[in-house]
C-alpha atoms as a PDB file:
ATOM      1  CA  UNK A   1      -7.369  17.083  -0.915  1.00  0.00           C
ATOM      2  CA  UNK A   2     -10.952  16.433   1.387  1.00  0.00           C
ATOM      3  CA  UNK A   3     -11.563  13.004   0.584  1.00  0.00           C
ATOM      4  CA  UNK A   4      -9.268   9.848   0.770  1.00  0.00           C
ATOM      5  CA  UNK A   5      -9.674   5.940   0.568  1.00  0.00           C
ATOM      6  CA  UNK A   6      -7.609   3.510   2.497  1.00  0.00           C
ATOM      7  CA  UNK A   7      -6.455   0.112   2.277  1.00  0.00           C
ATOM      8  CA  UNK A   8      -4.854  -2.189   4.285  1.00  0.00           C
ATOM      9  CA  UNK A   9      -3.779  -5.183   3.792  1.00  0.00           C
ATOM     10  CA  UNK A  10      -1.631  -8.352   5.695  1.00  0.00           C
ATOM     11  CA  UNK A  11       0.964  -8.807   3.310  1.00  0.00           C
ATOM     12  CA  UNK A  12       3.170  -6.427   1.052  1.00  0.00           C
ATOM     13  CA  UNK A  13       2.711  -9.088  -2.372  1.00  0.00           C
ATOM     14  CA  UNK A  14      -0.787  -8.659  -2.091  1.00  0.00           C
ATOM     15  CA  UNK A  15      -0.781  -5.121  -1.448  1.00  0.00           C
ATOM     16  CA  UNK A  16       0.944  -3.930  -4.505  1.00  0.00           C
ATOM     17  CA  UNK A  17      -1.748  -6.023  -6.526  1.00  0.00           C
ATOM     18  CA  UNK A  18      -4.208  -4.898  -4.775  1.00  0.00           C
ATOM     19  CA  UNK A  19      -2.606  -0.968  -5.217  1.00  0.00           C
ATOM     20  CA  UNK A  20      -1.934  -1.864  -9.097  1.00  0.00           C
ATOM     21  CA  UNK A  21      -6.223  -2.774  -9.624  1.00  0.00           C
ATOM     22  CA  UNK A  22      -7.129   0.243  -7.549  1.00  0.00           C
ATOM     23  CA  UNK A  23      -5.277   2.261  -9.814  1.00  0.00           C
ATOM     24  CA  UNK A  24      -6.460   0.383 -12.750  1.00  0.00           C
ATOM     25  CA  UNK A  25     -10.258   0.720 -11.805  1.00  0.00           C
ATOM     26  CA  UNK A  26     -11.140   4.352 -11.434  1.00  0.00           C
ATOM     27  CA  UNK A  27      -9.554   7.648 -11.663  1.00  0.00           C
ATOM     28  CA  UNK A  28      -7.873   7.976  -8.171  1.00  0.00           C
ATOM     29  CA  UNK A  29      -4.837   9.442  -7.415  1.00  0.00           C
ATOM     30  CA  UNK A  30      -2.124   7.899  -5.797  1.00  0.00           C
ATOM     31  CA  UNK A  31      -1.309   9.389  -2.348  1.00  0.00           C
ATOM     32  CA  UNK A  32       0.579   6.685  -0.248  1.00  0.00           C
ATOM     33  CA  UNK A  33       1.317   3.218  -1.200  1.00  0.00           C
ATOM     34  CA  UNK A  34       3.905   1.063   0.421  1.00  0.00           C
ATOM     35  CA  UNK A  35       4.557  -1.597   3.254  1.00  0.00           C
ATOM     36  CA  UNK A  36       4.468  -0.559   6.924  1.00  0.00           C
ATOM     37  CA  UNK A  37       5.303  -2.287   9.768  1.00  0.00           C
ATOM     38  CA  UNK A  38       4.595  -5.809  10.153  1.00  0.00           C
ATOM     39  CA  UNK A  39       4.667  -6.942   6.634  1.00  0.00           C
ATOM     40  CA  UNK A  40       1.629  -4.903   6.003  1.00  0.00           C
ATOM     41  CA  UNK A  41       0.577  -2.663   3.059  1.00  0.00           C
ATOM     42  CA  UNK A  42      -1.289   0.515   3.082  1.00  0.00           C
ATOM     43  CA  UNK A  43      -2.543   2.494  -0.020  1.00  0.00           C
ATOM     44  CA  UNK A  44      -4.532   5.856   0.193  1.00  0.00           C
ATOM     45  CA  UNK A  45      -5.847   7.262  -2.517  1.00  0.00           C
ATOM     46  CA  UNK A  46      -8.037  10.483  -3.429  1.00  0.00           C
ATOM     47  CA  UNK A  47     -10.409  11.853  -5.710  1.00  0.00           C
ATOM     48  CA  UNK A  48     -14.006  11.228  -3.945  1.00  0.00           C
ATOM     49  CA  UNK A  49     -15.839  10.145  -7.392  1.00  0.00           C
ATOM     50  CA  UNK A  50     -13.391   7.102  -8.274  1.00  0.00           C
ATOM     51  CA  UNK A  51     -12.482   6.599  -4.911  1.00  0.00           C
ATOM     52  CA  UNK A  52     -15.351   4.042  -3.612  1.00  0.00           C
ATOM     53  CA  UNK A  53     -15.321   2.404  -7.202  1.00  0.00           C
ATOM     54  CA  UNK A  54     -11.214   2.029  -5.897  1.00  0.00           C
ATOM     55  CA  UNK A  55     -11.329   0.500  -2.411  1.00  0.00           C
ATOM     56  CA  UNK A  56     -14.328  -2.059  -3.563  1.00  0.00           C
ATOM     57  CA  UNK A  57     -12.082  -3.297  -5.967  1.00  0.00           C
ATOM     58  CA  UNK A  58      -9.366  -3.573  -3.858  1.00  0.00           C
ATOM     59  CA  UNK A  59     -11.901  -5.221  -1.387  1.00  0.00           C
ATOM     60  CA  UNK A  60     -12.272  -7.613  -3.790  1.00  0.00           C
ATOM     61  CA  UNK A  61      -8.980  -8.393  -5.206  1.00  0.00           C
ATOM     62  CA  UNK A  62      -7.575  -8.663  -1.300  1.00  0.00           C
ATOM     63  CA  UNK A  63      -9.682 -11.225  -0.309  1.00  0.00           C
ATOM     64  CA  UNK A  64      -8.460 -12.349   3.303  1.00  0.00           C
ATOM     65  CA  UNK A  65      -5.788 -10.178   3.349  1.00  0.00           C
ATOM     66  CA  UNK A  66      -7.927  -7.285   3.589  1.00  0.00           C
ATOM     67  CA  UNK A  67      -6.839  -5.817   6.962  1.00  0.00           C
ATOM     68  CA  UNK A  68      -9.052  -3.011   7.253  1.00  0.00           C
ATOM     69  CA  UNK A  69     -10.345  -0.219   4.581  1.00  0.00           C
ATOM     70  CA  UNK A  70     -12.608   3.190   4.394  1.00  0.00           C
ATOM     71  CA  UNK A  71     -13.880   6.067   2.597  1.00  0.00           C
ATOM     72  CA  UNK A  72     -13.752   9.676   4.043  1.00  0.00           C
ATOM     73  CA  UNK A  73     -15.852  12.234   1.757  1.00  0.00           C
ATOM     74  CA  UNK A  74     -15.378  15.062   3.921  1.00  0.00           C
ATOM     75  CA  UNK A  75     -11.872  15.139   5.323  1.00  0.00           C
ATOM     76  CA  UNK A  76     -11.393  17.423   8.316  1.00  0.00           C
ATOM     77  CA  UNK A  77      -9.088  19.838   8.513  1.00  0.00           C
ATOM     78  CA  UNK A  78      -5.360  19.286   8.757  1.00  0.00           C
ATOM     79  CA  UNK A  79      -5.605  15.564   8.522  1.00  0.00           C
ATOM     80  CA  UNK A  80      -3.843  15.036   4.945  1.00  0.00           C
ATOM     81  CA  UNK A  81      -1.288  17.435   5.872  1.00  0.00           C
ATOM     82  CA  UNK A  82      -0.648  15.355   9.440  1.00  0.00           C
ATOM     83  CA  UNK A  83      -0.374  12.155   7.306  1.00  0.00           C
ATOM     84  CA  UNK A  84       1.806  13.514   4.743  1.00  0.00           C
ATOM     85  CA  UNK A  85       4.160  15.126   8.128  1.00  0.00           C
ATOM     86  CA  UNK A  86       3.356  18.289   6.806  1.00  0.00           C
ATOM     87  CA  UNK A  87       1.423  20.057   9.395  1.00  0.00           C
ATOM     88  CA  UNK A  88       2.184  23.256  10.781  1.00  0.00           C
ATOM     89  CA  UNK A  89       1.546  23.841  14.215  1.00  0.00           C
ATOM     90  CA  UNK A  90       0.849  27.156  15.307  1.00  0.00           C
ATOM     91  CA  UNK A  91       0.153  27.158  18.989  1.00  0.00           C
ATOM     92  CA  UNK A  92       1.875  24.687  21.826  1.00  0.00           C
ATOM     93  CA  UNK A  93      -1.349  24.195  24.028  1.00  0.00           C
ATOM     94  CA  UNK A  94      -2.235  20.767  25.735  1.00  0.00           C
ATOM     95  CA  UNK A  95      -0.696  17.838  24.201  1.00  0.00           C
ATOM     96  CA  UNK A  96      -3.384  14.457  23.119  1.00  0.00           C
ATOM     97  CA  UNK A  97      -2.514  11.421  21.733  1.00  0.00           C
ATOM     98  CA  UNK A  98      -4.972   8.212  20.504  1.00  0.00           C
ATOM     99  CA  UNK A  99      -2.793   4.743  19.608  1.00  0.00           C
ATOM    100  CA  UNK A 100      -4.130   2.396  18.095  1.00  0.00           C
ATOM    101  CA  UNK A 101      -3.414  -0.932  16.204  1.00  0.00           C
ATOM    102  CA  UNK A 102      -4.500  -0.171  12.459  1.00  0.00           C
ATOM    103  CA  UNK A 103      -3.853   2.719  10.101  1.00  0.00           C
ATOM    104  CA  UNK A 104      -7.382   3.084   9.052  1.00  0.00           C
ATOM    105  CA  UNK A 105      -8.209   3.828  12.860  1.00  0.00           C
ATOM    106  CA  UNK A 106      -5.133   6.168  13.835  1.00  0.00           C
ATOM    107  CA  UNK A 107      -6.663   8.190  10.357  1.00  0.00           C
ATOM    108  CA  UNK A 108     -10.435   7.885  11.177  1.00  0.00           C
ATOM    109  CA  UNK A 109      -9.524   8.973  14.595  1.00  0.00           C
ATOM    110  CA  UNK A 110      -7.993  11.821  13.676  1.00  0.00           C
ATOM    111  CA  UNK A 111     -10.862  12.841  11.524  1.00  0.00           C
ATOM    112  CA  UNK A 112     -13.274  12.330  14.582  1.00  0.00           C
ATOM    113  CA  UNK A 113     -10.756  14.625  16.423  1.00  0.00           C
ATOM    114  CA  UNK A 114     -10.767  17.916  14.276  1.00  0.00           C
ATOM    115  CA  UNK A 115     -14.374  17.152  13.809  1.00  0.00           C
ATOM    116  CA  UNK A 116     -15.030  17.226  17.855  1.00  0.00           C
ATOM    117  CA  UNK A 117     -13.104  20.239  19.058  1.00  0.00           C
ATOM    118  CA  UNK A 118     -10.987  23.224  17.822  1.00  0.00           C
ATOM    119  CA  UNK A 119      -7.529  21.284  17.812  1.00  0.00           C
ATOM    120  CA  UNK A 120      -4.512  21.216  15.977  1.00  0.00           C
ATOM    121  CA  UNK A 121      -3.163  18.044  14.328  1.00  0.00           C
ATOM    122  CA  UNK A 122       0.382  17.271  14.645  1.00  0.00           C
ATOM    123  CA  UNK A 123       0.698  13.756  13.200  1.00  0.00           C
ATOM    124  CA  UNK A 124      -0.871  10.400  12.220  1.00  0.00           C
ATOM    125  CA  UNK A 125       2.219   8.173  12.454  1.00  0.00           C
ATOM    126  CA  UNK A 126       0.938   5.133  10.352  1.00  0.00           C
ATOM    127  CA  UNK A 127       2.424   1.680  10.929  1.00  0.00           C
ATOM    128  CA  UNK A 128       6.094   3.393  10.284  1.00  0.00           C
ATOM    129  CA  UNK A 129       8.559   2.153  13.037  1.00  0.00           C
ATOM    130  CA  UNK A 130       6.063   1.314  15.533  1.00  0.00           C
ATOM    131  CA  UNK A 131       5.672  -2.355  15.212  1.00  0.00           C
ATOM    132  CA  UNK A 132       2.402  -1.764  13.334  1.00  0.00           C
ATOM    133  CA  UNK A 133       0.836   0.339  15.689  1.00  0.00           C
ATOM    134  CA  UNK A 134      -0.188   4.032  14.851  1.00  0.00           C
ATOM    135  CA  UNK A 135      -0.975   6.972  16.189  1.00  0.00           C
ATOM    136  CA  UNK A 136      -2.308  10.444  16.389  1.00  0.00           C
ATOM    137  CA  UNK A 137      -0.965  13.869  17.989  1.00  0.00           C
ATOM    138  CA  UNK A 138      -2.732  16.863  18.472  1.00  0.00           C
ATOM    139  CA  UNK A 139      -2.747  20.126  20.774  1.00  0.00           C
ATOM    140  CA  UNK A 140      -5.069  22.743  21.328  1.00  0.00           C
ATOM    141  CA  UNK A 141      -7.041  23.691  24.762  1.00  0.00           C
ATOM    142  CA  UNK A 142      -7.431  21.202  27.293  1.00  0.00           C
ATOM    143  CA  UNK A 143     -11.017  20.399  26.324  1.00  0.00           C
ATOM    144  CA  UNK A 144     -10.785  20.791  22.931  1.00  0.00           C
ATOM    145  CA  UNK A 145      -7.722  18.248  23.153  1.00  0.00           C
ATOM    146  CA  UNK A 146      -9.962  15.594  25.435  1.00  0.00           C
ATOM    147  CA  UNK A 147     -12.804  16.048  23.078  1.00  0.00           C
ATOM    148  CA  UNK A 148     -10.909  15.177  20.169  1.00  0.00           C
ATOM    149  CA  UNK A 149      -9.253  12.241  21.778  1.00  0.00           C
ATOM    150  CA  UNK A 150     -12.470  10.979  23.246  1.00  0.00           C
ATOM    151  CA  UNK A 151     -13.903  10.968  19.747  1.00  0.00           C
ATOM    152  CA  UNK A 152     -10.862   9.609  18.355  1.00  0.00           C
ATOM    153  CA  UNK A 153     -10.812   7.316  20.881  1.00  0.00           C
ATOM    154  CA  UNK A 154     -14.370   6.139  20.423  1.00  0.00           C
ATOM    155  CA  UNK A 155     -13.938   5.526  16.609  1.00  0.00           C
ATOM    156  CA  UNK A 156     -10.806   3.039  17.576  1.00  0.00           C
ATOM    157  CA  UNK A 157     -13.169   1.338  20.526  1.00  0.00           C
ATOM    158  CA  UNK A 158     -15.551   0.911  18.540  1.00  0.00           C
ATOM    159  CA  UNK A 159     -12.967  -1.127  16.260  1.00  0.00           C
ATOM    160  CA  UNK A 160     -11.286  -3.153  18.828  1.00  0.00           C
ATOM    161  CA  UNK A 161      -8.069  -1.685  17.870  1.00  0.00           C
ATOM    162  CA  UNK A 162      -7.571   0.970  20.534  1.00  0.00           C
ATOM    163  CA  UNK A 163      -4.033   0.949  22.379  1.00  0.00           C
ATOM    164  CA  UNK A 164      -3.965   3.725  25.044  1.00  0.00           C
ATOM    165  CA  UNK A 165      -5.111   7.565  25.348  1.00  0.00           C
ATOM    166  CA  UNK A 166      -3.284  10.584  27.219  1.00  0.00           C
ATOM    167  CA  UNK A 167      -3.860  13.882  27.125  1.00  0.00           C
ATOM    168  CA  UNK A 168      -1.048  16.358  28.915  1.00  0.00           C
ATOM    169  CA  UNK A 169      -2.504  20.014  30.062  1.00  0.00           C
ATOM    170  CA  UNK A 170       0.696  21.494  30.292  1.00  0.00           C
ATOM    171  CA  UNK A 171       3.706  19.755  28.789  1.00  0.00           C
ATOM    172  CA  UNK A 172       7.292  20.514  29.078  1.00  0.00           C
ATOM    173  CA  UNK A 173       9.332  22.791  26.153  1.00  0.00           C
ATOM    174  CA  UNK A 174      11.444  20.081  25.999  1.00  0.00           C
ATOM    175  CA  UNK A 175       8.542  17.129  25.669  1.00  0.00           C
ATOM    176  CA  UNK A 176       7.558  19.875  22.187  1.00  0.00           C
ATOM    177  CA  UNK A 177      10.852  19.812  21.256  1.00  0.00           C
ATOM    178  CA  UNK A 178      10.779  15.788  20.981  1.00  0.00           C
ATOM    179  CA  UNK A 179       7.628  15.382  19.495  1.00  0.00           C
ATOM    180  CA  UNK A 180       7.452  18.246  16.718  1.00  0.00           C
END
């Protein structure tokens, strides 16, 4: 899948209604939909030709419950797999992380990171078990990881939702066991 749209709303009940309307409004593929901490609801859909119409419909229905939304038409390599938790890390090198307050910003940060440097995404964790926070983790050569983290941080900073970033040039082997 190389195109996705996301809608993040403040509450579960509105999120369910928004998701239903999105699915009814356009020929989209439901990738993920559900509640996330702290009581928010995130829906991720695919199929570019119809995503814009579905996200526009969601924005209309969500009204003041809308937290964030986006459409990415040319999703960077490995972003979809990292969102789904199926990314396959081939080589453990430097480690980088971008932590944000919204699901949308985390996915956009991941997309910017893979387009900025030759990195492998490890995971895009979207507000599950994190009190509403999200993070993107990555590996690669130090310079590429720094470039990826900087690009992701720039997106989150522009949106006012950056929490923190870190780069570890040479992670301890036991750290890899913990994060993979």
